N, C-alpha and C. Protein backbone atom coordinates (compact mmCIF):
# COMPACT_ATOMS: atom_id res chain seq x y z
N MET A 1 -15.18 -15.78 -24.92
CA MET A 1 -16.18 -16.57 -24.57
C MET A 1 -17.19 -16.74 -25.78
N GLY A 2 -17.43 -17.95 -26.19
CA GLY A 2 -18.35 -18.16 -27.22
C GLY A 2 -19.81 -18.23 -26.68
N LEU A 3 -20.58 -17.22 -27.22
CA LEU A 3 -22.01 -17.18 -26.92
C LEU A 3 -23.01 -17.47 -28.07
N TYR A 4 -23.95 -18.13 -27.66
CA TYR A 4 -25.00 -18.53 -28.65
C TYR A 4 -26.40 -17.73 -28.20
N LEU A 5 -26.76 -16.86 -29.22
CA LEU A 5 -28.13 -16.26 -28.92
C LEU A 5 -29.23 -16.83 -29.57
N ALA A 6 -30.36 -17.00 -28.97
CA ALA A 6 -31.49 -17.60 -29.50
C ALA A 6 -32.80 -17.25 -28.79
N ARG A 7 -33.93 -17.30 -29.48
CA ARG A 7 -35.21 -17.00 -28.90
C ARG A 7 -35.54 -18.14 -27.99
N LEU A 8 -35.99 -17.75 -26.67
CA LEU A 8 -36.48 -18.76 -25.79
C LEU A 8 -37.98 -19.11 -25.94
N ASP A 9 -38.22 -20.38 -26.30
CA ASP A 9 -39.53 -20.92 -26.27
C ASP A 9 -40.02 -21.19 -24.80
N LEU A 10 -40.82 -20.59 -24.10
CA LEU A 10 -41.11 -20.76 -22.72
C LEU A 10 -42.17 -21.87 -22.69
N ARG A 11 -42.79 -22.13 -23.71
CA ARG A 11 -43.75 -23.33 -23.66
C ARG A 11 -42.85 -24.56 -23.33
N GLN A 12 -41.60 -24.66 -23.58
CA GLN A 12 -40.77 -25.74 -23.16
C GLN A 12 -40.26 -25.54 -21.72
N THR A 13 -40.70 -26.53 -20.96
CA THR A 13 -40.65 -26.47 -19.39
C THR A 13 -39.18 -26.18 -19.12
N ALA A 14 -38.20 -26.87 -19.71
CA ALA A 14 -36.90 -26.67 -19.43
C ALA A 14 -36.27 -25.34 -19.53
N ARG A 15 -36.64 -24.84 -20.76
CA ARG A 15 -36.12 -23.35 -21.16
C ARG A 15 -36.79 -22.31 -20.15
N ALA A 16 -38.08 -22.54 -19.77
CA ALA A 16 -38.82 -21.64 -18.88
C ALA A 16 -38.15 -21.71 -17.59
N SER A 17 -37.85 -22.90 -17.00
CA SER A 17 -37.11 -23.15 -15.79
C SER A 17 -35.86 -22.56 -15.66
N ALA A 18 -35.09 -22.72 -16.81
CA ALA A 18 -33.70 -22.01 -16.78
C ALA A 18 -33.84 -20.53 -16.91
N LEU A 19 -34.76 -19.86 -17.61
CA LEU A 19 -35.01 -18.61 -17.49
C LEU A 19 -35.34 -18.08 -16.03
N HIS A 20 -36.22 -18.93 -15.40
CA HIS A 20 -36.80 -18.41 -14.08
C HIS A 20 -35.73 -18.52 -13.20
N ARG A 21 -34.76 -19.57 -13.04
CA ARG A 21 -33.60 -19.68 -12.41
C ARG A 21 -32.79 -18.46 -12.24
N LEU A 22 -32.42 -18.09 -13.65
CA LEU A 22 -31.54 -17.01 -13.94
C LEU A 22 -32.36 -15.51 -13.31
N TRP A 23 -33.43 -15.67 -13.60
CA TRP A 23 -34.18 -14.25 -13.32
C TRP A 23 -33.99 -14.17 -11.80
N ARG A 24 -34.27 -15.31 -10.94
CA ARG A 24 -34.19 -15.12 -9.48
C ARG A 24 -32.89 -14.65 -9.02
N ILE A 25 -31.86 -15.34 -9.57
CA ILE A 25 -30.34 -14.90 -9.30
C ILE A 25 -29.95 -13.54 -9.54
N ALA A 26 -30.35 -13.17 -10.85
CA ALA A 26 -30.03 -11.69 -11.27
C ALA A 26 -30.80 -10.66 -10.58
N TYR A 27 -32.15 -10.91 -10.28
CA TYR A 27 -32.82 -9.84 -9.64
C TYR A 27 -32.65 -9.89 -7.89
N ALA A 28 -32.17 -10.95 -7.64
CA ALA A 28 -31.89 -10.89 -6.15
C ALA A 28 -30.66 -10.14 -5.99
N GLN A 29 -29.71 -10.19 -6.97
CA GLN A 29 -28.35 -9.36 -6.91
C GLN A 29 -28.84 -7.96 -7.03
N GLU A 30 -29.79 -7.54 -7.99
CA GLU A 30 -30.09 -6.18 -8.20
C GLU A 30 -30.86 -5.86 -6.87
N ALA A 31 -31.72 -6.43 -6.21
CA ALA A 31 -32.47 -6.12 -4.88
C ALA A 31 -31.44 -5.68 -3.99
N ALA A 32 -30.35 -6.62 -3.71
CA ALA A 32 -29.29 -6.33 -2.84
C ALA A 32 -28.50 -4.92 -3.13
N LEU A 33 -28.29 -4.82 -4.39
CA LEU A 33 -27.52 -3.62 -4.90
C LEU A 33 -28.44 -2.30 -4.48
N LEU A 34 -29.81 -2.48 -4.72
CA LEU A 34 -30.63 -1.35 -4.43
C LEU A 34 -31.00 -1.18 -2.88
N GLY A 35 -30.75 -2.31 -2.11
CA GLY A 35 -31.03 -2.36 -0.74
C GLY A 35 -32.49 -2.53 -0.41
N LEU A 36 -33.19 -3.22 -1.42
CA LEU A 36 -34.62 -3.60 -1.33
C LEU A 36 -34.90 -4.97 -0.71
N HIS A 37 -35.99 -5.04 0.10
CA HIS A 37 -36.37 -6.30 0.72
C HIS A 37 -37.26 -6.96 -0.03
N ASP A 38 -38.28 -6.02 -0.81
CA ASP A 38 -39.38 -6.53 -1.58
C ASP A 38 -39.25 -5.89 -3.01
N PHE A 39 -38.71 -6.69 -3.76
CA PHE A 39 -38.34 -6.30 -5.11
C PHE A 39 -39.35 -7.04 -6.09
N ALA A 40 -40.22 -6.08 -6.85
CA ALA A 40 -41.26 -6.62 -7.64
C ALA A 40 -40.87 -7.79 -8.63
N PRO A 41 -39.77 -7.57 -9.33
CA PRO A 41 -39.31 -8.79 -10.15
C PRO A 41 -39.36 -10.07 -9.49
N LEU A 42 -38.70 -10.03 -8.16
CA LEU A 42 -38.68 -11.35 -7.61
C LEU A 42 -40.02 -11.94 -7.19
N ARG A 43 -41.05 -11.33 -7.42
CA ARG A 43 -42.46 -11.92 -7.12
C ARG A 43 -42.99 -12.60 -8.33
N ARG A 44 -42.20 -12.62 -9.48
CA ARG A 44 -42.69 -13.19 -10.72
C ARG A 44 -42.46 -14.68 -10.72
N SER A 45 -43.51 -15.52 -10.89
CA SER A 45 -43.33 -16.91 -10.64
C SER A 45 -43.15 -17.37 -12.24
N LEU A 46 -42.72 -18.77 -12.20
CA LEU A 46 -42.50 -19.39 -13.28
C LEU A 46 -43.77 -19.30 -14.36
N PRO A 47 -45.01 -19.71 -13.75
CA PRO A 47 -46.20 -19.45 -14.58
C PRO A 47 -46.28 -18.04 -15.17
N ASP A 48 -45.91 -16.94 -14.11
CA ASP A 48 -45.95 -15.52 -14.74
C ASP A 48 -45.20 -15.62 -15.96
N LEU A 49 -44.03 -16.07 -16.07
CA LEU A 49 -43.03 -15.75 -17.07
C LEU A 49 -43.78 -16.55 -18.48
N GLN A 50 -44.22 -17.83 -18.24
CA GLN A 50 -44.50 -18.61 -19.20
C GLN A 50 -45.85 -18.07 -19.89
N GLN A 51 -46.79 -17.26 -19.06
CA GLN A 51 -47.91 -16.55 -19.50
C GLN A 51 -47.71 -15.34 -20.01
N SER A 52 -46.60 -14.75 -19.82
CA SER A 52 -46.44 -13.32 -20.33
C SER A 52 -46.39 -13.21 -21.76
N ASP A 53 -46.53 -11.91 -22.28
CA ASP A 53 -46.60 -11.65 -23.56
C ASP A 53 -45.18 -11.35 -24.17
N GLU A 54 -44.26 -11.25 -23.28
CA GLU A 54 -43.04 -10.87 -23.43
C GLU A 54 -42.41 -11.94 -24.33
N CYS A 55 -41.31 -11.36 -25.18
CA CYS A 55 -40.68 -12.35 -26.03
C CYS A 55 -39.19 -12.28 -25.51
N PHE A 56 -38.64 -13.45 -25.17
CA PHE A 56 -37.34 -13.55 -24.57
C PHE A 56 -36.25 -14.11 -25.54
N PHE A 57 -35.17 -13.49 -25.40
CA PHE A 57 -34.03 -14.10 -26.32
C PHE A 57 -32.97 -14.45 -25.19
N GLY A 58 -32.28 -15.53 -25.29
CA GLY A 58 -31.34 -15.95 -24.22
C GLY A 58 -29.89 -15.99 -24.84
N ALA A 59 -28.97 -15.90 -23.89
CA ALA A 59 -27.45 -15.94 -24.33
C ALA A 59 -27.01 -17.24 -23.77
N TRP A 60 -26.61 -18.18 -24.34
CA TRP A 60 -26.01 -19.48 -23.83
C TRP A 60 -24.53 -19.59 -23.99
N SER A 61 -23.89 -20.04 -23.05
CA SER A 61 -22.72 -20.58 -23.07
C SER A 61 -22.57 -22.13 -22.77
N GLY A 62 -22.32 -22.72 -23.95
CA GLY A 62 -22.61 -24.21 -23.80
C GLY A 62 -23.99 -24.51 -23.66
N THR A 63 -24.28 -25.34 -22.55
CA THR A 63 -25.67 -25.59 -22.33
C THR A 63 -26.36 -24.84 -21.11
N ALA A 64 -25.49 -23.64 -20.72
CA ALA A 64 -26.04 -22.87 -19.61
C ALA A 64 -26.49 -21.54 -20.30
N LEU A 65 -27.76 -21.19 -19.77
CA LEU A 65 -28.30 -19.99 -19.97
C LEU A 65 -27.68 -18.93 -19.10
N ILE A 66 -27.13 -17.97 -19.51
CA ILE A 66 -26.29 -17.04 -18.74
C ILE A 66 -26.89 -15.38 -18.77
N GLY A 67 -27.80 -15.24 -19.84
CA GLY A 67 -28.22 -14.01 -19.86
C GLY A 67 -29.45 -13.98 -20.74
N ALA A 68 -30.32 -13.14 -20.54
CA ALA A 68 -31.64 -13.05 -21.30
C ALA A 68 -32.15 -11.51 -21.30
N ILE A 69 -32.82 -11.34 -22.53
CA ILE A 69 -33.50 -9.93 -22.59
C ILE A 69 -35.03 -10.37 -23.12
N GLY A 70 -35.81 -9.50 -22.44
CA GLY A 70 -37.28 -9.64 -22.74
C GLY A 70 -37.93 -8.34 -23.35
N LEU A 71 -38.66 -8.55 -24.44
CA LEU A 71 -39.01 -7.36 -25.15
C LEU A 71 -40.63 -7.43 -25.18
N GLU A 72 -41.17 -6.33 -24.83
CA GLU A 72 -42.74 -6.18 -24.80
C GLU A 72 -43.11 -5.29 -25.98
N VAL A 73 -44.17 -5.85 -26.74
CA VAL A 73 -44.91 -4.71 -27.74
C VAL A 73 -45.56 -3.61 -26.93
N ALA A 74 -45.40 -2.39 -27.23
CA ALA A 74 -45.96 -1.24 -26.67
C ALA A 74 -47.46 -1.11 -27.38
N ASP A 75 -48.21 -0.30 -26.82
CA ASP A 75 -49.59 0.15 -27.25
C ASP A 75 -49.44 0.90 -28.67
N VAL A 76 -48.32 1.60 -28.82
CA VAL A 76 -48.02 2.26 -29.87
C VAL A 76 -47.26 1.75 -31.15
N PRO A 77 -47.57 1.73 -32.17
CA PRO A 77 -46.98 1.20 -33.31
C PRO A 77 -45.42 1.25 -33.40
N ARG A 78 -44.67 0.44 -33.84
CA ARG A 78 -43.18 0.44 -33.90
C ARG A 78 -42.51 0.99 -32.70
N ARG A 79 -43.00 0.40 -31.64
CA ARG A 79 -42.44 0.75 -30.16
C ARG A 79 -42.37 -0.54 -29.58
N LEU A 80 -41.21 -0.70 -28.87
CA LEU A 80 -40.96 -1.91 -28.03
C LEU A 80 -40.36 -1.41 -26.64
N ARG A 81 -40.72 -2.19 -25.71
CA ARG A 81 -40.23 -1.82 -24.38
C ARG A 81 -39.42 -3.25 -23.93
N ILE A 82 -38.01 -2.81 -23.36
CA ILE A 82 -37.34 -3.76 -22.75
C ILE A 82 -37.88 -4.09 -21.51
N GLY A 83 -38.38 -5.23 -21.18
CA GLY A 83 -38.91 -5.57 -19.76
C GLY A 83 -37.88 -6.16 -18.88
N ALA A 84 -36.82 -6.63 -19.48
CA ALA A 84 -35.73 -7.29 -18.67
C ALA A 84 -34.51 -7.37 -19.49
N LEU A 85 -33.42 -7.26 -18.76
CA LEU A 85 -32.04 -7.53 -19.24
C LEU A 85 -31.29 -8.19 -18.08
N ILE A 86 -30.98 -9.37 -18.05
CA ILE A 86 -30.46 -10.00 -16.92
C ILE A 86 -29.23 -10.90 -17.42
N VAL A 87 -28.25 -10.96 -16.41
CA VAL A 87 -27.14 -11.73 -16.64
C VAL A 87 -26.79 -12.47 -15.55
N ASP A 88 -26.38 -13.74 -15.50
CA ASP A 88 -25.89 -14.41 -14.34
C ASP A 88 -24.54 -13.80 -13.70
N PRO A 89 -24.57 -13.46 -12.49
CA PRO A 89 -23.58 -12.72 -11.80
C PRO A 89 -22.23 -13.17 -12.15
N GLN A 90 -22.11 -14.57 -12.33
CA GLN A 90 -20.72 -15.23 -12.64
C GLN A 90 -20.22 -14.84 -14.05
N TYR A 91 -21.22 -14.27 -14.75
CA TYR A 91 -20.94 -13.78 -16.25
C TYR A 91 -21.01 -12.46 -16.58
N GLN A 92 -21.11 -11.64 -15.42
CA GLN A 92 -21.19 -10.21 -15.65
C GLN A 92 -19.67 -9.57 -16.02
N ARG A 93 -19.64 -8.47 -16.65
CA ARG A 93 -18.52 -7.61 -16.92
C ARG A 93 -17.81 -8.43 -18.14
N ARG A 94 -18.55 -9.33 -18.90
CA ARG A 94 -17.88 -10.01 -20.12
C ARG A 94 -18.49 -9.66 -21.23
N GLY A 95 -19.51 -8.70 -21.39
CA GLY A 95 -20.09 -8.33 -22.41
C GLY A 95 -21.33 -9.00 -22.92
N VAL A 96 -21.91 -9.80 -21.88
CA VAL A 96 -23.03 -10.63 -22.33
C VAL A 96 -24.34 -9.66 -22.60
N ALA A 97 -24.55 -8.68 -21.59
CA ALA A 97 -25.65 -7.78 -21.62
C ALA A 97 -25.45 -6.92 -23.01
N ARG A 98 -24.35 -6.47 -23.27
CA ARG A 98 -24.12 -5.51 -24.30
C ARG A 98 -24.43 -6.47 -25.68
N ARG A 99 -24.07 -7.59 -25.64
CA ARG A 99 -24.26 -8.33 -26.81
C ARG A 99 -25.75 -8.74 -27.08
N LEU A 100 -26.50 -9.01 -25.85
CA LEU A 100 -28.00 -9.19 -26.13
C LEU A 100 -28.48 -7.90 -26.60
N LEU A 101 -28.16 -6.72 -26.04
CA LEU A 101 -28.96 -5.49 -26.15
C LEU A 101 -28.54 -5.00 -27.65
N THR A 102 -27.03 -5.16 -28.10
CA THR A 102 -26.93 -4.61 -29.56
C THR A 102 -27.33 -5.61 -30.56
N THR A 103 -27.72 -6.94 -30.20
CA THR A 103 -28.31 -7.85 -31.17
C THR A 103 -29.81 -7.46 -31.38
N MET A 104 -30.50 -6.88 -30.30
CA MET A 104 -31.87 -6.49 -30.38
C MET A 104 -31.89 -5.29 -31.08
N LEU A 105 -30.99 -4.36 -30.83
CA LEU A 105 -30.79 -3.07 -31.46
C LEU A 105 -30.68 -3.40 -33.09
N ALA A 106 -29.92 -4.23 -33.41
CA ALA A 106 -29.81 -4.73 -34.75
C ALA A 106 -31.02 -5.31 -35.47
N ARG A 107 -31.57 -6.05 -34.77
CA ARG A 107 -32.75 -6.69 -35.21
C ARG A 107 -33.98 -5.68 -35.26
N PHE A 108 -34.19 -4.73 -34.35
CA PHE A 108 -35.29 -4.04 -34.17
C PHE A 108 -34.96 -2.53 -34.31
N GLY A 109 -33.96 -2.20 -34.97
CA GLY A 109 -33.45 -0.84 -35.05
C GLY A 109 -34.37 0.16 -35.61
N GLY A 110 -35.31 -0.17 -36.33
CA GLY A 110 -36.44 0.76 -36.74
C GLY A 110 -37.56 0.95 -35.79
N TYR A 111 -37.24 0.40 -34.64
CA TYR A 111 -38.50 0.59 -33.49
C TYR A 111 -37.90 1.51 -32.57
N VAL A 112 -38.66 2.44 -31.91
CA VAL A 112 -38.46 3.21 -30.72
C VAL A 112 -38.40 2.04 -29.56
N LEU A 113 -37.26 1.94 -28.84
CA LEU A 113 -37.05 1.16 -27.73
C LEU A 113 -37.08 1.90 -26.55
N SER A 114 -37.69 1.35 -25.46
CA SER A 114 -37.74 2.17 -24.10
C SER A 114 -37.44 1.11 -23.04
N VAL A 115 -36.91 1.48 -22.07
CA VAL A 115 -36.43 0.71 -20.83
C VAL A 115 -36.54 1.47 -19.60
N THR A 116 -36.91 0.85 -18.50
CA THR A 116 -36.94 1.51 -17.20
C THR A 116 -35.95 0.75 -16.32
N THR A 117 -35.08 1.46 -15.62
CA THR A 117 -34.14 0.87 -14.64
C THR A 117 -34.13 1.73 -13.36
N ALA A 118 -33.64 1.24 -12.27
CA ALA A 118 -33.41 1.98 -11.11
C ALA A 118 -32.38 3.19 -11.29
N ALA A 119 -32.46 4.37 -10.80
CA ALA A 119 -31.45 5.40 -10.97
C ALA A 119 -30.28 4.97 -10.23
N ALA A 120 -30.31 4.07 -9.31
CA ALA A 120 -28.82 3.62 -8.60
C ALA A 120 -28.20 2.58 -9.19
N ASN A 121 -28.90 2.00 -10.38
CA ASN A 121 -28.05 0.91 -11.07
C ASN A 121 -27.22 1.58 -12.07
N ARG A 122 -26.12 2.03 -11.68
CA ARG A 122 -25.29 2.78 -12.66
C ARG A 122 -24.55 1.82 -13.62
N PRO A 123 -24.37 0.69 -13.46
CA PRO A 123 -23.86 -0.23 -14.67
C PRO A 123 -24.98 -0.26 -15.83
N ALA A 124 -26.28 -0.44 -15.46
CA ALA A 124 -27.30 -0.55 -16.47
C ALA A 124 -27.33 0.85 -17.22
N LEU A 125 -27.35 1.96 -16.41
CA LEU A 125 -27.40 3.19 -16.96
C LEU A 125 -26.39 3.52 -17.99
N ALA A 126 -25.16 3.01 -17.61
CA ALA A 126 -24.00 3.13 -18.52
C ALA A 126 -24.07 2.33 -19.74
N LEU A 127 -24.69 1.10 -19.62
CA LEU A 127 -24.64 0.38 -20.76
C LEU A 127 -25.94 1.00 -21.70
N TYR A 128 -26.84 1.35 -21.28
CA TYR A 128 -27.98 1.95 -22.15
C TYR A 128 -27.38 3.24 -22.68
N ALA A 129 -26.84 4.08 -22.02
CA ALA A 129 -26.21 5.39 -22.63
C ALA A 129 -25.28 5.08 -23.66
N GLY A 130 -24.37 4.11 -23.43
CA GLY A 130 -23.47 3.56 -24.36
C GLY A 130 -24.07 3.05 -25.72
N CYS A 131 -25.18 2.66 -25.70
CA CYS A 131 -25.99 2.18 -26.85
C CYS A 131 -27.09 3.03 -27.44
N GLY A 132 -26.91 4.40 -27.06
CA GLY A 132 -27.78 5.39 -27.56
C GLY A 132 -28.92 5.65 -26.93
N PHE A 133 -29.36 5.13 -25.80
CA PHE A 133 -30.48 5.51 -25.07
C PHE A 133 -30.34 6.85 -24.15
N ALA A 134 -31.37 7.61 -24.26
CA ALA A 134 -31.36 8.90 -23.53
C ALA A 134 -32.39 8.95 -22.54
N GLU A 135 -32.20 9.66 -21.49
CA GLU A 135 -33.12 9.80 -20.22
C GLU A 135 -34.37 10.49 -20.88
N ARG A 136 -35.59 10.01 -20.50
CA ARG A 136 -36.83 10.58 -20.95
C ARG A 136 -37.58 10.96 -19.75
N GLN A 137 -37.48 10.18 -18.46
CA GLN A 137 -38.08 10.99 -17.30
C GLN A 137 -37.60 10.19 -16.17
N ARG A 138 -37.71 10.66 -14.98
CA ARG A 138 -37.42 10.05 -13.69
C ARG A 138 -38.88 10.10 -12.98
N PHE A 139 -39.02 8.89 -12.18
CA PHE A 139 -40.20 8.90 -11.20
C PHE A 139 -39.92 8.08 -10.13
N SER A 140 -40.82 8.03 -9.07
CA SER A 140 -40.55 7.04 -8.03
C SER A 140 -41.80 6.06 -7.93
N ILE A 141 -41.28 4.72 -7.49
CA ILE A 141 -42.23 3.64 -7.49
C ILE A 141 -42.39 3.47 -5.95
N GLN A 142 -43.62 3.23 -5.55
CA GLN A 142 -44.07 3.08 -4.29
C GLN A 142 -44.36 1.67 -3.95
N PRO A 143 -44.19 1.01 -2.80
CA PRO A 143 -43.93 1.63 -1.49
C PRO A 143 -42.51 1.94 -1.24
N GLU A 144 -41.45 1.36 -1.97
CA GLU A 144 -40.13 1.49 -1.79
C GLU A 144 -39.53 2.91 -1.82
N ALA A 145 -40.36 3.81 -2.54
CA ALA A 145 -39.77 5.10 -3.12
C ALA A 145 -38.61 4.92 -3.81
N LEU A 146 -38.65 3.86 -4.73
CA LEU A 146 -37.53 3.68 -5.56
C LEU A 146 -37.45 4.71 -6.70
N GLU A 147 -36.49 5.32 -7.00
CA GLU A 147 -36.31 6.31 -8.03
C GLU A 147 -35.89 5.40 -9.36
N VAL A 148 -36.63 5.59 -10.28
CA VAL A 148 -36.32 4.92 -11.48
C VAL A 148 -36.28 5.83 -12.70
N VAL A 149 -35.50 5.42 -13.73
CA VAL A 149 -35.26 6.32 -14.98
C VAL A 149 -35.77 5.52 -16.00
N GLU A 150 -36.65 6.31 -16.96
CA GLU A 150 -37.08 5.72 -18.10
C GLU A 150 -36.22 6.20 -19.32
N LEU A 151 -35.61 5.34 -20.16
CA LEU A 151 -34.74 5.82 -21.14
C LEU A 151 -35.35 5.40 -22.59
N GLU A 152 -35.02 6.11 -23.55
CA GLU A 152 -35.59 5.79 -24.80
C GLU A 152 -34.43 5.82 -25.90
N ARG A 153 -34.57 4.96 -27.05
CA ARG A 153 -33.68 4.97 -28.11
C ARG A 153 -34.58 5.04 -29.28
N ARG A 154 -34.37 6.24 -30.16
CA ARG A 154 -35.19 6.31 -31.33
C ARG A 154 -34.36 5.90 -32.51
N PRO A 155 -35.09 5.41 -33.68
CA PRO A 155 -34.27 4.95 -34.70
C PRO A 155 -33.50 6.02 -35.37
N GLY A 156 -32.35 5.63 -35.95
CA GLY A 156 -31.54 6.77 -36.71
C GLY A 156 -30.62 7.23 -35.69
């Protein structure tokens, strides 16, 4: 599968709408996987995405946005947080998430990267572990009592 990776300019309504559509599909699938009825990422609106400080990169197959990764600058220098890594369910298990992640690791390899994901999301945990992320801490998010894992990858 030929993929094209590029930064998403969310000032462009068509790009922002494509990201929001993908966001809704991917996070609805994750909510179902986790058995959640009220999942915070699904409350994020199109204007929320457009007004966020997150920098998004997309994976395109032809004219279709099939994956995206969002990076946030942390309060500490040389530290970034992965706020989102999503793939259209029709394109999962084809290396899209790995390609997005490894591209960001190559581009920002000198930074400490962190990410938080649900402890029950085994595919995500396996992907991050395979890319050199290590568990930093576990905690619970209320009101769902969702157990999450914070992972971190240090340079070198």
